[in-house]
C-alpha atoms as a PDB file:
ATOM      1  CA  UNK A   1      14.083  -4.356 -18.393  1.00  0.00           C
ATOM      2  CA  UNK A   2      10.914  -5.637 -19.996  1.00  0.00           C
ATOM      3  CA  UNK A   3      11.859  -8.903 -21.695  1.00  0.00           C
ATOM      4  CA  UNK A   4      10.058  -8.990 -25.037  1.00  0.00           C
ATOM      5  CA  UNK A   5       9.884 -10.588 -28.440  1.00  0.00           C
ATOM      6  CA  UNK A   6       8.834  -8.689 -31.527  1.00  0.00           C
ATOM      7  CA  UNK A   7       5.091  -9.313 -31.972  1.00  0.00           C
ATOM      8  CA  UNK A   8       5.035 -11.471 -35.081  1.00  0.00           C
ATOM      9  CA  UNK A   9       2.944 -14.342 -36.352  1.00  0.00           C
ATOM     10  CA  UNK A  10       4.280 -17.626 -35.077  1.00  0.00           C
ATOM     11  CA  UNK A  11       6.905 -15.988 -32.848  1.00  0.00           C
ATOM     12  CA  UNK A  12       4.893 -15.079 -29.750  1.00  0.00           C
ATOM     13  CA  UNK A  13       2.298 -16.907 -27.654  1.00  0.00           C
ATOM     14  CA  UNK A  14       2.715 -19.987 -29.806  1.00  0.00           C
ATOM     15  CA  UNK A  15       0.981 -22.331 -27.338  1.00  0.00           C
ATOM     16  CA  UNK A  16      -2.052 -20.072 -27.350  1.00  0.00           C
ATOM     17  CA  UNK A  17      -1.724 -19.547 -31.088  1.00  0.00           C
ATOM     18  CA  UNK A  18      -2.141 -23.255 -31.719  1.00  0.00           C
ATOM     19  CA  UNK A  19      -5.642 -22.921 -30.278  1.00  0.00           C
ATOM     20  CA  UNK A  20      -6.817 -19.443 -31.282  1.00  0.00           C
ATOM     21  CA  UNK A  21      -4.732 -18.857 -34.424  1.00  0.00           C
ATOM     22  CA  UNK A  22      -1.252 -17.420 -34.871  1.00  0.00           C
ATOM     23  CA  UNK A  23      -2.434 -14.011 -36.080  1.00  0.00           C
ATOM     24  CA  UNK A  24      -4.764 -13.626 -33.109  1.00  0.00           C
ATOM     25  CA  UNK A  25      -1.995 -14.685 -30.727  1.00  0.00           C
ATOM     26  CA  UNK A  26       0.428 -12.114 -32.166  1.00  0.00           C
ATOM     27  CA  UNK A  27      -2.221  -9.397 -31.881  1.00  0.00           C
ATOM     28  CA  UNK A  28      -2.887 -10.435 -28.301  1.00  0.00           C
ATOM     29  CA  UNK A  29       0.806 -10.334 -27.437  1.00  0.00           C
ATOM     30  CA  UNK A  30       1.052  -6.804 -28.835  1.00  0.00           C
ATOM     31  CA  UNK A  31      -1.652  -5.770 -26.353  1.00  0.00           C
ATOM     32  CA  UNK A  32       0.039  -7.548 -23.444  1.00  0.00           C
ATOM     33  CA  UNK A  33       3.381  -5.954 -24.229  1.00  0.00           C
ATOM     34  CA  UNK A  34       1.864  -2.485 -24.522  1.00  0.00           C
ATOM     35  CA  UNK A  35       0.257  -2.791 -21.101  1.00  0.00           C
ATOM     36  CA  UNK A  36       3.460  -4.091 -19.487  1.00  0.00           C
ATOM     37  CA  UNK A  37       5.455  -1.209 -21.015  1.00  0.00           C
ATOM     38  CA  UNK A  38       2.958   1.161 -19.395  1.00  0.00           C
ATOM     39  CA  UNK A  39       3.375  -0.645 -16.064  1.00  0.00           C
ATOM     40  CA  UNK A  40       7.139  -0.174 -16.262  1.00  0.00           C
ATOM     41  CA  UNK A  41       6.676   3.538 -16.983  1.00  0.00           C
ATOM     42  CA  UNK A  42       4.322   3.921 -14.030  1.00  0.00           C
ATOM     43  CA  UNK A  43       6.824   2.244 -11.719  1.00  0.00           C
ATOM     44  CA  UNK A  44       9.497   4.678 -12.903  1.00  0.00           C
ATOM     45  CA  UNK A  45       7.125   7.576 -12.198  1.00  0.00           C
ATOM     46  CA  UNK A  46       6.857   6.338  -8.616  1.00  0.00           C
ATOM     47  CA  UNK A  47      10.608   5.897  -8.028  1.00  0.00           C
ATOM     48  CA  UNK A  48      13.147   8.627  -8.794  1.00  0.00           C
ATOM     49  CA  UNK A  49      16.230   7.257 -10.525  1.00  0.00           C
ATOM     50  CA  UNK A  50      14.478   4.208 -11.956  1.00  0.00           C
ATOM     51  CA  UNK A  51      14.953   3.882 -15.715  1.00  0.00           C
ATOM     52  CA  UNK A  52      13.090   1.642 -18.151  1.00  0.00           C
ATOM     53  CA  UNK A  53      14.455  -0.586 -20.880  1.00  0.00           C
ATOM     54  CA  UNK A  54      13.425  -3.272 -23.312  1.00  0.00           C
ATOM     55  CA  UNK A  55      15.411  -6.482 -23.730  1.00  0.00           C
ATOM     56  CA  UNK A  56      14.290  -7.412 -27.223  1.00  0.00           C
ATOM     57  CA  UNK A  57      14.540 -10.286 -29.672  1.00  0.00           C
ATOM     58  CA  UNK A  58      15.188 -11.041 -32.517  1.00  0.00           C
ATOM     59  CA  UNK A  59      18.025  -9.066 -34.009  1.00  0.00           C
ATOM     60  CA  UNK A  60      16.744  -6.645 -36.618  1.00  0.00           C
ATOM     61  CA  UNK A  61      13.548  -5.766 -34.745  1.00  0.00           C
ATOM     62  CA  UNK A  62      15.010  -2.678 -33.085  1.00  0.00           C
ATOM     63  CA  UNK A  63      12.990  -0.142 -35.163  1.00  0.00           C
ATOM     64  CA  UNK A  64       9.743  -1.899 -34.233  1.00  0.00           C
ATOM     65  CA  UNK A  65      10.693  -2.106 -30.569  1.00  0.00           C
ATOM     66  CA  UNK A  66      11.624   1.580 -30.517  1.00  0.00           C
ATOM     67  CA  UNK A  67       8.158   2.407 -31.813  1.00  0.00           C
ATOM     68  CA  UNK A  68       6.522   0.226 -29.148  1.00  0.00           C
ATOM     69  CA  UNK A  69       8.585   1.604 -26.249  1.00  0.00           C
ATOM     70  CA  UNK A  70       9.773   5.113 -27.120  1.00  0.00           C
ATOM     71  CA  UNK A  71      12.404   6.397 -24.728  1.00  0.00           C
ATOM     72  CA  UNK A  72      13.299   2.948 -23.406  1.00  0.00           C
ATOM     73  CA  UNK A  73      16.889   1.756 -23.475  1.00  0.00           C
ATOM     74  CA  UNK A  74      17.123  -1.188 -25.881  1.00  0.00           C
ATOM     75  CA  UNK A  75      19.271  -4.275 -25.294  1.00  0.00           C
ATOM     76  CA  UNK A  76      19.350  -7.222 -27.676  1.00  0.00           C
ATOM     77  CA  UNK A  77      18.839 -10.556 -25.934  1.00  0.00           C
ATOM     78  CA  UNK A  78      21.780 -12.911 -26.460  1.00  0.00           C
ATOM     79  CA  UNK A  79      21.990 -16.642 -25.841  1.00  0.00           C
ATOM     80  CA  UNK A  80      20.112 -19.769 -26.834  1.00  0.00           C
ATOM     81  CA  UNK A  81      18.137 -20.498 -23.663  1.00  0.00           C
ATOM     82  CA  UNK A  82      15.966 -17.956 -21.845  1.00  0.00           C
ATOM     83  CA  UNK A  83      18.024 -18.247 -18.661  1.00  0.00           C
ATOM     84  CA  UNK A  84      21.187 -17.321 -20.549  1.00  0.00           C
ATOM     85  CA  UNK A  85      19.451 -14.360 -22.147  1.00  0.00           C
ATOM     86  CA  UNK A  86      18.162 -13.072 -18.821  1.00  0.00           C
ATOM     87  CA  UNK A  87      21.621 -13.418 -17.284  1.00  0.00           C
ATOM     88  CA  UNK A  88      23.138 -11.466 -20.187  1.00  0.00           C
ATOM     89  CA  UNK A  89      20.629  -8.631 -19.771  1.00  0.00           C
ATOM     90  CA  UNK A  90      21.168  -8.344 -16.018  1.00  0.00           C
ATOM     91  CA  UNK A  91      24.941  -8.568 -16.331  1.00  0.00           C
ATOM     92  CA  UNK A  92      24.968  -5.882 -19.025  1.00  0.00           C
ATOM     93  CA  UNK A  93      22.828  -3.496 -16.972  1.00  0.00           C
ATOM     94  CA  UNK A  94      24.894  -3.862 -13.817  1.00  0.00           C
ATOM     95  CA  UNK A  95      28.148  -3.588 -15.768  1.00  0.00           C
ATOM     96  CA  UNK A  96      26.813  -0.349 -17.275  1.00  0.00           C
ATOM     97  CA  UNK A  97      26.770   1.244 -13.844  1.00  0.00           C
ATOM     98  CA  UNK A  98      23.239   0.621 -12.584  1.00  0.00           C
ATOM     99  CA  UNK A  99      23.200  -0.353  -8.913  1.00  0.00           C
ATOM    100  CA  UNK A 100      20.194  -2.663  -9.314  1.00  0.00           C
ATOM    101  CA  UNK A 101      18.427  -4.362 -12.204  1.00  0.00           C
ATOM    102  CA  UNK A 102      15.147  -6.173 -12.764  1.00  0.00           C
ATOM    103  CA  UNK A 103      13.850  -8.321 -15.608  1.00  0.00           C
ATOM    104  CA  UNK A 104      10.084  -8.178 -16.135  1.00  0.00           C
ATOM    105  CA  UNK A 105       7.931 -10.586 -18.131  1.00  0.00           C
ATOM    106  CA  UNK A 106       6.046  -9.087 -21.079  1.00  0.00           C
ATOM    107  CA  UNK A 107       2.880 -11.178 -20.680  1.00  0.00           C
ATOM    108  CA  UNK A 108       1.749 -10.220 -17.160  1.00  0.00           C
ATOM    109  CA  UNK A 109      -0.420  -7.119 -17.683  1.00  0.00           C
ATOM    110  CA  UNK A 110      -1.963  -7.169 -14.202  1.00  0.00           C
ATOM    111  CA  UNK A 111       1.211  -6.390 -12.246  1.00  0.00           C
ATOM    112  CA  UNK A 112       0.872  -3.532  -9.781  1.00  0.00           C
ATOM    113  CA  UNK A 113       3.588  -0.928 -10.515  1.00  0.00           C
ATOM    114  CA  UNK A 114       3.997  -0.521  -6.758  1.00  0.00           C
ATOM    115  CA  UNK A 115       5.181  -4.138  -6.575  1.00  0.00           C
ATOM    116  CA  UNK A 116       8.016  -3.369  -8.986  1.00  0.00           C
ATOM    117  CA  UNK A 117       9.008  -0.462  -6.763  1.00  0.00           C
ATOM    118  CA  UNK A 118       8.726  -2.721  -3.711  1.00  0.00           C
ATOM    119  CA  UNK A 119      11.241  -5.105  -5.268  1.00  0.00           C
ATOM    120  CA  UNK A 120      13.861  -2.377  -5.553  1.00  0.00           C
ATOM    121  CA  UNK A 121      13.072  -1.177  -2.043  1.00  0.00           C
ATOM    122  CA  UNK A 122      13.585  -4.718  -0.748  1.00  0.00           C
ATOM    123  CA  UNK A 123      17.078  -4.683  -2.250  1.00  0.00           C
ATOM    124  CA  UNK A 124      17.748  -1.363  -0.515  1.00  0.00           C
ATOM    125  CA  UNK A 125      16.701  -2.977   2.765  1.00  0.00           C
ATOM    126  CA  UNK A 126      19.120  -5.901   2.432  1.00  0.00           C
ATOM    127  CA  UNK A 127      17.548  -8.533   0.209  1.00  0.00           C
ATOM    128  CA  UNK A 128      19.841 -10.028  -2.420  1.00  0.00           C
ATOM    129  CA  UNK A 129      17.006 -10.653  -4.844  1.00  0.00           C
ATOM    130  CA  UNK A 130      13.261 -10.074  -5.076  1.00  0.00           C
ATOM    131  CA  UNK A 131      10.954 -12.440  -6.943  1.00  0.00           C
ATOM    132  CA  UNK A 132       7.347 -11.987  -8.021  1.00  0.00           C
ATOM    133  CA  UNK A 133       5.630 -15.372  -8.437  1.00  0.00           C
ATOM    134  CA  UNK A 134       3.017 -16.229 -11.057  1.00  0.00           C
ATOM    135  CA  UNK A 135       0.167 -18.591 -10.328  1.00  0.00           C
ATOM    136  CA  UNK A 136       1.374 -20.985 -13.054  1.00  0.00           C
ATOM    137  CA  UNK A 137       4.583 -21.715 -11.153  1.00  0.00           C
ATOM    138  CA  UNK A 138       6.835 -19.179 -12.860  1.00  0.00           C
ATOM    139  CA  UNK A 139       7.728 -15.632 -11.904  1.00  0.00           C
ATOM    140  CA  UNK A 140       7.021 -12.276 -13.499  1.00  0.00           C
ATOM    141  CA  UNK A 141       9.980 -10.277 -12.215  1.00  0.00           C
ATOM    142  CA  UNK A 142      13.407 -10.814 -10.728  1.00  0.00           C
ATOM    143  CA  UNK A 143      15.215  -7.935  -9.023  1.00  0.00           C
ATOM    144  CA  UNK A 144      18.891  -8.170  -8.133  1.00  0.00           C
ATOM    145  CA  UNK A 145      21.875  -6.026  -7.212  1.00  0.00           C
ATOM    146  CA  UNK A 146      24.471  -8.504  -8.507  1.00  0.00           C
ATOM    147  CA  UNK A 147      24.676 -10.973 -11.398  1.00  0.00           C
ATOM    148  CA  UNK A 148      22.953 -14.244 -10.466  1.00  0.00           C
ATOM    149  CA  UNK A 149      23.779 -16.745 -13.240  1.00  0.00           C
ATOM    150  CA  UNK A 150      23.239 -19.633 -10.825  1.00  0.00           C
ATOM    151  CA  UNK A 151      19.553 -18.640 -10.581  1.00  0.00           C
ATOM    152  CA  UNK A 152      19.095 -18.386 -14.338  1.00  0.00           C
ATOM    153  CA  UNK A 153      21.419 -20.452 -16.511  1.00  0.00           C
ATOM    154  CA  UNK A 154      20.833 -23.894 -14.891  1.00  0.00           C
ATOM    155  CA  UNK A 155      17.061 -23.395 -14.474  1.00  0.00           C
ATOM    156  CA  UNK A 156      14.728 -24.888 -17.070  1.00  0.00           C
ATOM    157  CA  UNK A 157      12.360 -22.022 -17.866  1.00  0.00           C
ATOM    158  CA  UNK A 158       8.694 -22.185 -18.913  1.00  0.00           C
ATOM    159  CA  UNK A 159       7.886 -25.049 -16.546  1.00  0.00           C
ATOM    160  CA  UNK A 160       5.500 -25.168 -13.549  1.00  0.00           C
ATOM    161  CA  UNK A 161       8.457 -25.386 -11.151  1.00  0.00           C
ATOM    162  CA  UNK A 162      10.472 -22.335 -12.208  1.00  0.00           C
ATOM    163  CA  UNK A 163       9.677 -20.299  -9.096  1.00  0.00           C
ATOM    164  CA  UNK A 164      10.364 -23.199  -6.714  1.00  0.00           C
ATOM    165  CA  UNK A 165      13.540 -24.161  -8.587  1.00  0.00           C
ATOM    166  CA  UNK A 166      14.768 -20.574  -8.430  1.00  0.00           C
ATOM    167  CA  UNK A 167      14.008 -20.310  -4.713  1.00  0.00           C
ATOM    168  CA  UNK A 168      15.879 -23.561  -4.086  1.00  0.00           C
ATOM    169  CA  UNK A 169      18.863 -22.305  -6.068  1.00  0.00           C
ATOM    170  CA  UNK A 170      18.820 -19.065  -4.070  1.00  0.00           C
ATOM    171  CA  UNK A 171      18.766 -21.021  -0.804  1.00  0.00           C
ATOM    172  CA  UNK A 172      21.794 -23.048  -1.890  1.00  0.00           C
ATOM    173  CA  UNK A 173      23.620 -19.764  -2.559  1.00  0.00           C
ATOM    174  CA  UNK A 174      22.546 -18.357   0.844  1.00  0.00           C
ATOM    175  CA  UNK A 175      20.804 -15.466  -0.872  1.00  0.00           C
ATOM    176  CA  UNK A 176      18.206 -13.408   0.972  1.00  0.00           C
ATOM    177  CA  UNK A 177      14.980 -13.408  -1.038  1.00  0.00           C
ATOM    178  CA  UNK A 178      12.039 -10.994  -0.847  1.00  0.00           C
ATOM    179  CA  UNK A 179       8.806 -12.361  -2.305  1.00  0.00           C
ATOM    180  CA  UNK A 180       6.427  -9.951  -4.003  1.00  0.00           C
ATOM    181  CA  UNK A 181       2.666 -10.184  -4.495  1.00  0.00           C
ATOM    182  CA  UNK A 182       1.736 -12.958  -6.960  1.00  0.00           C
ATOM    183  CA  UNK A 183       0.094 -12.265 -10.299  1.00  0.00           C
ATOM    184  CA  UNK A 184      -1.124 -14.241 -13.298  1.00  0.00           C
ATOM    185  CA  UNK A 185       0.046 -14.534 -16.871  1.00  0.00           C
ATOM    186  CA  UNK A 186      -2.025 -15.634 -19.849  1.00  0.00           C
ATOM    187  CA  UNK A 187      -0.974 -18.681 -21.835  1.00  0.00           C
ATOM    188  CA  UNK A 188      -4.151 -20.696 -22.459  1.00  0.00           C
ATOM    189  CA  UNK A 189      -7.830 -20.145 -23.297  1.00  0.00           C
ATOM    190  CA  UNK A 190      -8.609 -20.987 -19.660  1.00  0.00           C
ATOM    191  CA  UNK A 191      -6.274 -18.154 -18.638  1.00  0.00           C
ATOM    192  CA  UNK A 192      -8.194 -15.855 -20.979  1.00  0.00           C
ATOM    193  CA  UNK A 193     -11.488 -16.774 -19.354  1.00  0.00           C
ATOM    194  CA  UNK A 194     -10.025 -16.239 -15.877  1.00  0.00           C
ATOM    195  CA  UNK A 195      -8.666 -12.863 -16.958  1.00  0.00           C
ATOM    196  CA  UNK A 196     -12.092 -11.792 -18.202  1.00  0.00           C
ATOM    197  CA  UNK A 197     -13.549 -12.606 -14.794  1.00  0.00           C
ATOM    198  CA  UNK A 198     -10.738 -10.812 -12.971  1.00  0.00           C
ATOM    199  CA  UNK A 199     -10.901  -7.668 -15.074  1.00  0.00           C
ATOM    200  CA  UNK A 200     -14.644  -7.332 -14.588  1.00  0.00           C
ATOM    201  CA  UNK A 201     -13.937  -6.487 -10.938  1.00  0.00           C
ATOM    202  CA  UNK A 202     -11.086  -4.046 -11.601  1.00  0.00           C
ATOM    203  CA  UNK A 203     -11.021  -0.373 -12.663  1.00  0.00           C
ATOM    204  CA  UNK A 204     -10.975   0.357 -16.398  1.00  0.00           C
ATOM    205  CA  UNK A 205      -7.464   1.844 -16.314  1.00  0.00           C
ATOM    206  CA  UNK A 206      -5.904  -1.544 -15.499  1.00  0.00           C
ATOM    207  CA  UNK A 207      -4.561  -3.338 -18.602  1.00  0.00           C
ATOM    208  CA  UNK A 208      -6.652  -1.344 -21.113  1.00  0.00           C
ATOM    209  CA  UNK A 209      -5.180  -2.935 -24.252  1.00  0.00           C
ATOM    210  CA  UNK A 210      -5.492  -6.450 -22.887  1.00  0.00           C
ATOM    211  CA  UNK A 211      -9.003  -5.680 -21.689  1.00  0.00           C
ATOM    212  CA  UNK A 212     -10.040  -4.469 -25.151  1.00  0.00           C
ATOM    213  CA  UNK A 213      -8.586  -7.563 -26.849  1.00  0.00           C
ATOM    214  CA  UNK A 214     -10.270  -9.897 -24.370  1.00  0.00           C
ATOM    215  CA  UNK A 215     -13.608  -8.202 -24.950  1.00  0.00           C
ATOM    216  CA  UNK A 216     -13.258  -8.655 -28.706  1.00  0.00           C
ATOM    217  CA  UNK A 217     -12.283 -12.290 -28.244  1.00  0.00           C
ATOM    218  CA  UNK A 218     -15.263 -12.931 -25.998  1.00  0.00           C
ATOM    219  CA  UNK A 219     -17.632 -11.445 -28.575  1.00  0.00           C
ATOM    220  CA  UNK A 220     -16.253 -13.755 -31.265  1.00  0.00           C
ATOM    221  CA  UNK A 221     -16.728 -16.740 -28.955  1.00  0.00           C
ATOM    222  CA  UNK A 222     -20.276 -15.705 -28.097  1.00  0.00           C
ATOM    223  CA  UNK A 223     -21.170 -15.377 -31.784  1.00  0.00           C
ATOM    224  CA  UNK A 224     -19.518 -18.641 -32.839  1.00  0.00           C
END
């Protein structure tokens, strides 16, 4: 399940929007989300039986989300805090009959689809959960084969210690954890500049929407 907000002014990438403008931030988020949706599809192409979904917010944005992710199962996020919403999504998927579930961040367009597959394979091989760390201290994906509210509800999200806090919580529960290859997300202008450097060394098919937006942003900065 890709965890996503409807791309709207003032609703997405607000920290970045305070610096580059709310309209620009919403446009950027649309590009990030599109690339992550493609990553989810590619992972499903690599793994028979894997299905894709979108855990969306807010209520009423379902038509827009359908247009952004055609064919994806849609689940409305429920709960005040992000940890509660993630727990609800995972619990709903597993209660629906899926043997495993994963929640994937919508602002990490550089994730290798093979890493998402590797997370499910780690569960098959005995891990209780698989986590993919981000270089800002969070994580981009959590795979599990059982509800794990203790790893989500008590954790304060969107802090530099989310990954460490989650690992500590897993240790207290005696859960076996598989760690996936780290990636980066983009929250600040410095992150944008780092992404431009990273993408210059990567093939053009990686994160094409994000790449196009970053190129436009760089041109505006160069001309300012």
